[in-house]
Amino acid sequence: YLCFVHDDVAFMVDKWGPRLISLFESDPKIGLVGIAGNKFRGSYPAAIGQGPSIRRKYMRGNVYQLSSGYLDFDSSVDKKEIEDVVCIDGVFMFAKNEVFQYCHFDEALFTQFHGYDLDFSLQTFFQGYRVLVDRGMLIEHFSGGNYSKENTKANRKISKKWMKKLPVATP
């Protein structure tokens, strides 16, 4: 397994590794798990959580900003906390090692900080793997994100790269 996580994150739960590994072992089609993601990806250029009705209808999970300290955590997975999505936010991405045989970070197209997460998620999804959000994973993220000009450019690149397969949604 491979874990990619922003450097300004604190885990607010313990036993998250065994929890995610057991989730992967429960279904060989699971390829990628995050803590925030979208059930819909349109062809319009937009970041995760942006676009028509994204927050209300399609956004799943949260990037939690907590200040209550460390929480005791049951490492067993409650299926109600798990939901299929199309793409996840790069603040936390946990992947099966074998996914990297077919999917890679596109360093040629995404040379800045933005876009790599959505692109990698879509690659994983279109390879036939399940992409999930686990709402039981709690983290503290010390920044709120950055919707800069580079972010807009990256989202245009994603829309152009995946134009023939978008829009896409999970049930």
N, C-alpha and C. Protein backbone atom coordinates (compact mmCIF):
# COMPACT_ATOMS: atom_id res chain seq x y z
N TYR A 1 0.84 -1.19 0.00
CA TYR A 1 0.00 0.00 0.00
C TYR A 1 0.88 1.24 0.00
N LEU A 2 0.36 2.29 -0.60
CA LEU A 2 1.05 3.58 -0.64
C LEU A 2 0.13 4.65 -0.07
N CYS A 3 0.70 5.54 0.72
CA CYS A 3 -0.07 6.61 1.33
C CYS A 3 0.56 7.94 0.93
N PHE A 4 -0.26 8.81 0.38
CA PHE A 4 0.16 10.17 0.03
C PHE A 4 -0.65 11.12 0.89
N VAL A 5 0.04 12.02 1.58
CA VAL A 5 -0.65 12.91 2.50
C VAL A 5 0.08 14.26 2.51
N HIS A 6 -0.69 15.32 2.58
CA HIS A 6 -0.09 16.65 2.68
C HIS A 6 0.77 16.75 3.93
N ASP A 7 1.72 17.65 3.92
CA ASP A 7 2.63 17.78 5.05
C ASP A 7 2.08 18.66 6.17
N ASP A 8 0.89 19.21 5.99
CA ASP A 8 0.28 20.03 7.03
C ASP A 8 -0.97 19.37 7.59
N VAL A 9 -0.83 18.08 7.90
CA VAL A 9 -1.94 17.26 8.37
C VAL A 9 -1.55 16.57 9.67
N ALA A 10 -2.49 16.49 10.59
CA ALA A 10 -2.32 15.69 11.81
C ALA A 10 -3.44 14.66 11.83
N PHE A 11 -3.07 13.41 12.06
CA PHE A 11 -4.07 12.35 12.17
C PHE A 11 -4.72 12.45 13.54
N MET A 12 -6.05 12.44 13.56
CA MET A 12 -6.79 12.58 14.79
C MET A 12 -7.33 11.24 15.30
N VAL A 13 -6.94 10.18 14.64
CA VAL A 13 -7.37 8.83 15.00
C VAL A 13 -6.17 7.90 14.94
N ASP A 14 -6.23 6.83 15.71
CA ASP A 14 -5.18 5.82 15.61
C ASP A 14 -5.75 4.63 14.83
N LYS A 15 -4.96 3.67 14.54
CA LYS A 15 -5.37 2.44 13.85
C LYS A 15 -5.96 2.68 12.48
N TRP A 16 -5.64 3.81 11.85
CA TRP A 16 -6.20 4.08 10.53
C TRP A 16 -5.59 3.17 9.47
N GLY A 17 -4.32 2.78 9.62
CA GLY A 17 -3.69 1.88 8.65
C GLY A 17 -4.37 0.52 8.60
N PRO A 18 -4.48 -0.17 9.75
CA PRO A 18 -5.19 -1.46 9.73
C PRO A 18 -6.63 -1.35 9.23
N ARG A 19 -7.29 -0.24 9.56
CA ARG A 19 -8.67 -0.04 9.10
C ARG A 19 -8.71 -0.02 7.57
N LEU A 20 -7.82 0.75 6.95
CA LEU A 20 -7.84 0.86 5.49
C LEU A 20 -7.38 -0.43 4.82
N ILE A 21 -6.39 -1.09 5.40
CA ILE A 21 -5.95 -2.36 4.83
C ILE A 21 -7.08 -3.38 4.87
N SER A 22 -7.83 -3.43 5.96
CA SER A 22 -8.95 -4.38 6.02
C SER A 22 -10.02 -4.01 5.00
N LEU A 23 -10.21 -2.73 4.76
CA LEU A 23 -11.16 -2.30 3.73
C LEU A 23 -10.72 -2.80 2.36
N PHE A 24 -9.44 -2.61 2.03
CA PHE A 24 -8.91 -3.09 0.74
C PHE A 24 -9.04 -4.60 0.63
N GLU A 25 -8.76 -5.31 1.71
CA GLU A 25 -8.84 -6.78 1.69
C GLU A 25 -10.28 -7.28 1.54
N SER A 26 -11.26 -6.44 1.86
CA SER A 26 -12.66 -6.85 1.75
C SER A 26 -13.16 -6.85 0.31
N ASP A 27 -12.44 -6.16 -0.59
CA ASP A 27 -12.89 -6.05 -1.98
C ASP A 27 -11.69 -5.79 -2.89
N PRO A 28 -11.32 -6.74 -3.74
CA PRO A 28 -10.15 -6.57 -4.60
C PRO A 28 -10.31 -5.46 -5.65
N LYS A 29 -11.52 -4.96 -5.84
CA LYS A 29 -11.73 -3.88 -6.82
C LYS A 29 -11.45 -2.50 -6.23
N ILE A 30 -11.24 -2.40 -4.92
CA ILE A 30 -10.90 -1.10 -4.33
C ILE A 30 -9.46 -0.77 -4.70
N GLY A 31 -9.26 0.43 -5.25
CA GLY A 31 -7.92 0.83 -5.66
C GLY A 31 -7.41 2.06 -4.94
N LEU A 32 -8.31 2.92 -4.47
CA LEU A 32 -7.91 4.20 -3.92
C LEU A 32 -8.94 4.66 -2.89
N VAL A 33 -8.45 5.16 -1.75
CA VAL A 33 -9.33 5.67 -0.70
C VAL A 33 -8.83 7.03 -0.25
N GLY A 34 -9.77 7.96 -0.05
CA GLY A 34 -9.45 9.28 0.46
C GLY A 34 -10.42 9.66 1.55
N ILE A 35 -10.33 10.91 2.00
CA ILE A 35 -11.25 11.39 3.03
C ILE A 35 -12.24 12.41 2.51
N ALA A 36 -12.02 12.90 1.28
CA ALA A 36 -12.95 13.84 0.66
C ALA A 36 -12.92 13.60 -0.83
N GLY A 37 -14.09 13.66 -1.45
CA GLY A 37 -14.14 13.42 -2.88
C GLY A 37 -15.49 13.77 -3.48
N ASN A 38 -15.60 13.54 -4.78
CA ASN A 38 -16.81 13.85 -5.52
C ASN A 38 -17.39 12.61 -6.16
N LYS A 39 -18.71 12.52 -6.16
CA LYS A 39 -19.43 11.45 -6.85
C LYS A 39 -19.61 11.79 -8.33
N PHE A 40 -19.34 13.03 -8.70
CA PHE A 40 -19.55 13.50 -10.07
C PHE A 40 -18.34 14.29 -10.53
N ARG A 41 -17.95 14.07 -11.76
CA ARG A 41 -16.91 14.91 -12.38
C ARG A 41 -17.44 15.32 -13.74
N GLY A 42 -17.68 16.61 -13.89
CA GLY A 42 -18.16 17.13 -15.16
C GLY A 42 -17.02 17.43 -16.11
N SER A 43 -17.37 17.85 -17.29
CA SER A 43 -16.35 18.20 -18.27
C SER A 43 -15.88 19.64 -18.11
N TYR A 44 -16.60 20.42 -17.30
CA TYR A 44 -16.19 21.80 -17.05
C TYR A 44 -14.98 21.80 -16.10
N PRO A 45 -14.08 22.74 -16.26
CA PRO A 45 -12.92 22.80 -15.36
C PRO A 45 -13.30 23.32 -13.99
N ALA A 46 -13.20 22.46 -12.97
CA ALA A 46 -13.50 22.87 -11.60
C ALA A 46 -12.73 22.00 -10.64
N ALA A 47 -12.34 22.59 -9.54
CA ALA A 47 -11.65 21.83 -8.49
C ALA A 47 -12.65 20.99 -7.73
N ILE A 48 -12.15 20.11 -6.90
CA ILE A 48 -13.04 19.30 -6.06
C ILE A 48 -13.87 20.24 -5.21
N GLY A 49 -15.15 20.00 -5.15
CA GLY A 49 -16.02 20.84 -4.33
C GLY A 49 -16.46 22.12 -5.01
N GLN A 50 -16.08 22.33 -6.28
CA GLN A 50 -16.53 23.50 -7.01
C GLN A 50 -17.46 23.07 -8.12
N GLY A 51 -18.25 23.99 -8.62
CA GLY A 51 -19.14 23.68 -9.73
C GLY A 51 -20.58 23.66 -9.28
N PRO A 52 -21.48 23.44 -10.23
CA PRO A 52 -22.90 23.50 -9.93
C PRO A 52 -23.32 22.46 -8.89
N SER A 53 -23.81 22.91 -7.79
CA SER A 53 -24.39 22.05 -6.74
C SER A 53 -23.45 20.99 -6.20
N ILE A 54 -22.15 21.16 -6.38
CA ILE A 54 -21.20 20.13 -5.95
C ILE A 54 -21.28 19.91 -4.45
N ARG A 55 -21.21 20.96 -3.68
CA ARG A 55 -21.20 20.81 -2.22
C ARG A 55 -22.46 20.09 -1.72
N ARG A 56 -23.60 20.49 -2.23
CA ARG A 56 -24.86 19.93 -1.73
C ARG A 56 -25.08 18.50 -2.21
N LYS A 57 -24.85 18.22 -3.47
CA LYS A 57 -25.25 16.95 -4.03
C LYS A 57 -24.14 15.91 -4.10
N TYR A 58 -22.96 16.30 -4.50
CA TYR A 58 -21.97 15.31 -4.92
C TYR A 58 -20.75 15.19 -4.04
N MET A 59 -20.48 16.19 -3.23
CA MET A 59 -19.29 16.15 -2.37
C MET A 59 -19.50 15.14 -1.26
N ARG A 60 -18.49 14.34 -0.99
CA ARG A 60 -18.57 13.32 0.05
C ARG A 60 -17.35 13.44 0.96
N GLY A 61 -17.56 13.16 2.23
CA GLY A 61 -16.46 13.23 3.18
C GLY A 61 -16.14 14.67 3.51
N ASN A 62 -15.09 14.85 4.26
CA ASN A 62 -14.67 16.18 4.67
C ASN A 62 -13.18 16.20 4.90
N VAL A 63 -12.59 17.35 4.75
CA VAL A 63 -11.26 17.59 5.27
C VAL A 63 -11.50 18.27 6.59
N TYR A 64 -11.39 17.52 7.65
CA TYR A 64 -11.77 18.01 8.97
C TYR A 64 -10.74 18.98 9.50
N GLN A 65 -11.22 20.01 10.13
CA GLN A 65 -10.36 20.92 10.85
C GLN A 65 -10.81 20.89 12.30
N LEU A 66 -10.09 20.14 13.08
CA LEU A 66 -10.48 19.89 14.47
C LEU A 66 -9.50 20.56 15.42
N SER A 67 -9.98 20.83 16.60
CA SER A 67 -9.06 21.33 17.62
C SER A 67 -9.32 20.62 18.94
N SER A 68 -10.06 19.52 18.89
CA SER A 68 -10.43 18.84 20.12
C SER A 68 -9.42 17.80 20.57
N GLY A 69 -8.35 17.62 19.83
CA GLY A 69 -7.34 16.65 20.22
C GLY A 69 -7.57 15.29 19.61
N TYR A 70 -6.76 14.36 20.02
CA TYR A 70 -6.75 13.01 19.47
C TYR A 70 -7.98 12.24 19.89
N LEU A 71 -8.55 11.46 18.99
CA LEU A 71 -9.76 10.69 19.26
C LEU A 71 -9.45 9.21 19.30
N ASP A 72 -10.10 8.48 20.19
CA ASP A 72 -10.00 7.03 20.18
C ASP A 72 -10.80 6.54 18.97
N PHE A 73 -10.33 5.52 18.33
CA PHE A 73 -10.86 5.14 17.03
C PHE A 73 -11.02 3.64 16.95
N ASP A 74 -12.16 3.21 16.51
CA ASP A 74 -12.41 1.80 16.27
C ASP A 74 -11.91 1.50 14.86
N SER A 75 -10.97 0.59 14.73
CA SER A 75 -10.39 0.33 13.41
C SER A 75 -11.28 -0.53 12.53
N SER A 76 -12.39 -1.03 13.06
CA SER A 76 -13.31 -1.78 12.20
C SER A 76 -14.06 -0.80 11.30
N VAL A 77 -14.38 -1.26 10.12
CA VAL A 77 -15.00 -0.39 9.13
C VAL A 77 -16.52 -0.54 9.19
N ASP A 78 -17.18 0.58 9.37
CA ASP A 78 -18.63 0.64 9.27
C ASP A 78 -18.95 1.01 7.83
N LYS A 79 -19.62 0.13 7.11
CA LYS A 79 -19.89 0.35 5.68
C LYS A 79 -20.67 1.65 5.43
N LYS A 80 -21.36 2.17 6.43
CA LYS A 80 -22.08 3.43 6.26
C LYS A 80 -21.12 4.61 6.14
N GLU A 81 -19.87 4.42 6.57
CA GLU A 81 -18.88 5.49 6.48
C GLU A 81 -18.12 5.48 5.15
N ILE A 82 -18.39 4.48 4.32
CA ILE A 82 -17.67 4.30 3.06
C ILE A 82 -18.60 4.62 1.90
N GLU A 83 -18.10 5.39 0.93
CA GLU A 83 -18.94 5.71 -0.22
C GLU A 83 -18.09 5.79 -1.49
N ASP A 84 -18.62 5.23 -2.57
CA ASP A 84 -17.95 5.31 -3.87
C ASP A 84 -18.00 6.73 -4.40
N VAL A 85 -16.88 7.16 -4.95
CA VAL A 85 -16.77 8.47 -5.58
C VAL A 85 -16.01 8.30 -6.90
N VAL A 86 -15.90 9.38 -7.64
CA VAL A 86 -15.16 9.37 -8.90
C VAL A 86 -13.73 9.86 -8.68
N CYS A 87 -13.58 10.86 -7.82
CA CYS A 87 -12.25 11.41 -7.57
C CYS A 87 -12.15 11.89 -6.12
N ILE A 88 -10.92 11.90 -5.63
CA ILE A 88 -10.68 12.32 -4.24
C ILE A 88 -9.70 13.47 -4.19
N ASP A 89 -9.72 14.17 -3.07
CA ASP A 89 -8.80 15.27 -2.80
C ASP A 89 -7.46 14.71 -2.38
N GLY A 90 -6.39 15.36 -2.79
CA GLY A 90 -5.03 14.89 -2.52
C GLY A 90 -4.54 15.10 -1.11
N VAL A 91 -5.35 15.66 -0.23
CA VAL A 91 -4.89 15.86 1.15
C VAL A 91 -4.55 14.51 1.79
N PHE A 92 -5.27 13.45 1.39
CA PHE A 92 -4.97 12.10 1.87
C PHE A 92 -5.42 11.11 0.81
N MET A 93 -4.47 10.33 0.30
CA MET A 93 -4.77 9.30 -0.69
C MET A 93 -4.05 8.01 -0.29
N PHE A 94 -4.80 6.94 -0.15
CA PHE A 94 -4.27 5.64 0.24
C PHE A 94 -4.59 4.69 -0.91
N ALA A 95 -3.54 4.11 -1.50
CA ALA A 95 -3.72 3.32 -2.72
C ALA A 95 -3.11 1.94 -2.60
N LYS A 96 -3.67 1.03 -3.34
CA LYS A 96 -3.08 -0.28 -3.52
C LYS A 96 -1.82 -0.12 -4.36
N ASN A 97 -0.76 -0.80 -3.98
CA ASN A 97 0.48 -0.73 -4.74
C ASN A 97 0.28 -1.13 -6.20
N GLU A 98 -0.55 -2.14 -6.43
CA GLU A 98 -0.75 -2.63 -7.80
C GLU A 98 -1.40 -1.59 -8.71
N VAL A 99 -2.10 -0.62 -8.13
CA VAL A 99 -2.70 0.44 -8.95
C VAL A 99 -1.61 1.17 -9.75
N PHE A 100 -0.43 1.28 -9.16
CA PHE A 100 0.66 2.00 -9.81
C PHE A 100 1.24 1.25 -11.00
N GLN A 101 0.82 0.03 -11.24
CA GLN A 101 1.20 -0.67 -12.48
C GLN A 101 0.48 -0.04 -13.67
N TYR A 102 -0.69 0.56 -13.42
CA TYR A 102 -1.53 1.09 -14.48
C TYR A 102 -1.73 2.60 -14.41
N CYS A 103 -1.59 3.17 -13.25
CA CYS A 103 -1.87 4.58 -13.03
C CYS A 103 -0.64 5.26 -12.44
N HIS A 104 -0.37 6.46 -12.91
CA HIS A 104 0.83 7.19 -12.45
C HIS A 104 0.48 8.66 -12.28
N PHE A 105 1.25 9.35 -11.47
CA PHE A 105 1.13 10.79 -11.43
C PHE A 105 1.66 11.34 -12.75
N ASP A 106 0.89 12.17 -13.40
CA ASP A 106 1.26 12.73 -14.70
C ASP A 106 2.12 13.97 -14.48
N GLU A 107 3.41 13.73 -14.29
CA GLU A 107 4.33 14.83 -14.00
C GLU A 107 4.60 15.72 -15.19
N ALA A 108 4.34 15.23 -16.40
CA ALA A 108 4.53 16.05 -17.60
C ALA A 108 3.42 17.10 -17.72
N LEU A 109 2.20 16.69 -17.43
CA LEU A 109 1.07 17.60 -17.58
C LEU A 109 0.85 18.46 -16.34
N PHE A 110 1.04 17.89 -15.16
CA PHE A 110 0.78 18.61 -13.92
C PHE A 110 2.10 18.92 -13.23
N THR A 111 2.67 20.05 -13.58
CA THR A 111 3.99 20.43 -13.09
C THR A 111 3.93 21.26 -11.81
N GLN A 112 2.75 21.74 -11.47
CA GLN A 112 2.57 22.51 -10.24
C GLN A 112 1.90 21.60 -9.20
N PHE A 113 1.51 22.16 -8.09
CA PHE A 113 0.93 21.39 -7.00
C PHE A 113 -0.48 20.88 -7.30
N HIS A 114 -1.21 21.53 -8.16
CA HIS A 114 -2.63 21.23 -8.37
C HIS A 114 -2.87 20.22 -9.49
N GLY A 115 -3.98 19.48 -9.37
CA GLY A 115 -4.45 18.63 -10.45
C GLY A 115 -4.03 17.18 -10.38
N TYR A 116 -2.90 16.90 -9.72
CA TYR A 116 -2.39 15.53 -9.68
C TYR A 116 -3.38 14.57 -9.04
N ASP A 117 -4.10 15.03 -8.02
CA ASP A 117 -5.01 14.17 -7.27
C ASP A 117 -6.24 13.78 -8.09
N LEU A 118 -6.84 14.76 -8.76
CA LEU A 118 -8.01 14.46 -9.57
C LEU A 118 -7.64 13.59 -10.76
N ASP A 119 -6.50 13.88 -11.37
CA ASP A 119 -6.04 13.09 -12.50
C ASP A 119 -5.76 11.64 -12.08
N PHE A 120 -5.05 11.46 -10.98
CA PHE A 120 -4.75 10.12 -10.51
C PHE A 120 -6.02 9.37 -10.14
N SER A 121 -6.96 10.06 -9.51
CA SER A 121 -8.25 9.44 -9.16
C SER A 121 -8.99 8.98 -10.41
N LEU A 122 -9.05 9.85 -11.42
CA LEU A 122 -9.75 9.48 -12.65
C LEU A 122 -9.07 8.32 -13.35
N GLN A 123 -7.74 8.31 -13.38
CA GLN A 123 -7.03 7.16 -13.95
C GLN A 123 -7.44 5.88 -13.24
N THR A 124 -7.44 5.92 -11.92
CA THR A 124 -7.79 4.75 -11.12
C THR A 124 -9.23 4.31 -11.40
N PHE A 125 -10.14 5.26 -11.43
CA PHE A 125 -11.54 4.98 -11.70
C PHE A 125 -11.72 4.37 -13.08
N PHE A 126 -11.09 4.96 -14.10
CA PHE A 126 -11.26 4.47 -15.46
C PHE A 126 -10.53 3.15 -15.72
N GLN A 127 -9.63 2.76 -14.83
CA GLN A 127 -9.01 1.43 -14.93
C GLN A 127 -9.90 0.35 -14.32
N GLY A 128 -11.05 0.76 -13.80
CA GLY A 128 -12.01 -0.20 -13.26
C GLY A 128 -11.92 -0.44 -11.77
N TYR A 129 -11.08 0.33 -11.09
CA TYR A 129 -10.99 0.22 -9.63
C TYR A 129 -12.05 1.09 -8.98
N ARG A 130 -12.43 0.73 -7.77
CA ARG A 130 -13.31 1.57 -6.97
C ARG A 130 -12.47 2.65 -6.30
N VAL A 131 -12.99 3.86 -6.30
CA VAL A 131 -12.40 5.00 -5.60
C VAL A 131 -13.40 5.34 -4.49
N LEU A 132 -12.91 5.39 -3.25
CA LEU A 132 -13.80 5.53 -2.11
C LEU A 132 -13.42 6.72 -1.24
N VAL A 133 -14.41 7.18 -0.48
CA VAL A 133 -14.20 8.13 0.61
C VAL A 133 -14.55 7.38 1.90
N ASP A 134 -13.67 7.52 2.89
CA ASP A 134 -13.91 6.94 4.22
C ASP A 134 -14.15 8.09 5.18
N ARG A 135 -15.40 8.30 5.56
CA ARG A 135 -15.75 9.40 6.47
C ARG A 135 -15.33 9.14 7.90
N GLY A 136 -14.87 7.93 8.20
CA GLY A 136 -14.39 7.62 9.53
C GLY A 136 -12.97 8.10 9.78
N MET A 137 -12.27 8.43 8.72
CA MET A 137 -10.89 8.94 8.85
C MET A 137 -10.96 10.41 9.25
N LEU A 138 -10.43 10.74 10.39
CA LEU A 138 -10.44 12.12 10.85
C LEU A 138 -9.02 12.67 10.88
N ILE A 139 -8.85 13.81 10.24
CA ILE A 139 -7.56 14.49 10.27
C ILE A 139 -7.79 15.97 10.58
N GLU A 140 -6.72 16.58 10.99
CA GLU A 140 -6.72 18.05 11.09
C GLU A 140 -5.82 18.54 9.98
N HIS A 141 -6.38 19.39 9.13
CA HIS A 141 -5.63 19.97 8.00
C HIS A 141 -5.43 21.44 8.32
N PHE A 142 -4.18 21.86 8.34
CA PHE A 142 -3.85 23.20 8.83
C PHE A 142 -3.96 24.30 7.79
N SER A 143 -4.38 23.94 6.56
CA SER A 143 -4.64 24.97 5.56
C SER A 143 -5.96 24.66 4.88
N GLY A 144 -6.58 25.66 4.33
CA GLY A 144 -7.89 25.49 3.74
C GLY A 144 -7.89 25.27 2.25
N GLY A 145 -6.73 25.12 1.65
CA GLY A 145 -6.67 24.97 0.20
C GLY A 145 -6.34 26.28 -0.47
N ASN A 146 -6.06 26.19 -1.77
CA ASN A 146 -5.61 27.35 -2.52
C ASN A 146 -6.23 27.30 -3.91
N TYR A 147 -7.15 28.18 -4.17
CA TYR A 147 -7.78 28.24 -5.48
C TYR A 147 -7.13 29.36 -6.29
N SER A 148 -5.91 29.11 -6.72
CA SER A 148 -5.11 30.10 -7.43
C SER A 148 -5.26 29.94 -8.94
N LYS A 149 -4.52 30.78 -9.65
CA LYS A 149 -4.48 30.70 -11.11
C LYS A 149 -3.94 29.34 -11.56
N GLU A 150 -2.96 28.81 -10.83
CA GLU A 150 -2.41 27.49 -11.16
C GLU A 150 -3.45 26.39 -11.01
N ASN A 151 -4.29 26.53 -10.00
CA ASN A 151 -5.38 25.57 -9.80
C ASN A 151 -6.33 25.60 -11.00
N THR A 152 -6.69 26.78 -11.44
CA THR A 152 -7.58 26.92 -12.59
C THR A 152 -6.96 26.30 -13.83
N LYS A 153 -5.67 26.54 -14.05
CA LYS A 153 -4.98 25.95 -15.21
C LYS A 153 -4.98 24.42 -15.12
N ALA A 154 -4.72 23.90 -13.94
CA ALA A 154 -4.70 22.44 -13.76
C ALA A 154 -6.07 21.84 -14.05
N ASN A 155 -7.12 22.50 -13.61
CA ASN A 155 -8.47 21.99 -13.85
C ASN A 155 -8.84 22.03 -15.32
N ARG A 156 -8.34 23.01 -16.04
CA ARG A 156 -8.53 23.04 -17.50
C ARG A 156 -7.81 21.87 -18.15
N LYS A 157 -6.60 21.57 -17.67
CA LYS A 157 -5.84 20.43 -18.22
C LYS A 157 -6.56 19.11 -17.97
N ILE A 158 -7.14 18.96 -16.78
CA ILE A 158 -7.90 17.74 -16.46
C ILE A 158 -9.08 17.60 -17.41
N SER A 159 -9.83 18.68 -17.59
CA SER A 159 -10.99 18.64 -18.48
C SER A 159 -10.58 18.30 -19.91
N LYS A 160 -9.49 18.87 -20.36
CA LYS A 160 -9.02 18.59 -21.72
C LYS A 160 -8.53 17.14 -21.84
N LYS A 161 -7.76 16.67 -20.88
CA LYS A 161 -7.20 15.32 -20.93
C LYS A 161 -8.31 14.27 -20.93
N TRP A 162 -9.35 14.47 -20.12
CA TRP A 162 -10.39 13.46 -19.94
C TRP A 162 -11.68 13.79 -20.69
N MET A 163 -11.62 14.73 -21.63
CA MET A 163 -12.79 15.23 -22.34
C MET A 163 -13.68 14.12 -22.90
N LYS A 164 -13.08 13.08 -23.45
CA LYS A 164 -13.86 12.02 -24.11
C LYS A 164 -14.55 11.09 -23.11
N LYS A 165 -14.17 11.15 -21.83
CA LYS A 165 -14.77 10.25 -20.83
C LYS A 165 -15.64 10.98 -19.82
N LEU A 166 -15.66 12.30 -19.89
CA LEU A 166 -16.45 13.10 -18.94
C LEU A 166 -17.72 13.60 -19.61
N PRO A 167 -18.78 13.80 -18.88
CA PRO A 167 -18.94 13.68 -17.44
C PRO A 167 -19.08 12.22 -17.01
N VAL A 168 -18.80 11.99 -15.72
CA VAL A 168 -18.92 10.65 -15.14
C VAL A 168 -19.40 10.81 -13.70
N ALA A 169 -20.16 9.80 -13.25
CA ALA A 169 -20.70 9.85 -11.89
C ALA A 169 -20.84 8.45 -11.34
N THR A 170 -20.84 8.34 -10.02
CA THR A 170 -21.15 7.08 -9.37
C THR A 170 -22.64 7.09 -9.03
N PRO A 171 -23.22 5.92 -8.84
CA PRO A 171 -24.66 5.87 -8.51
C PRO A 171 -24.97 6.60 -7.20
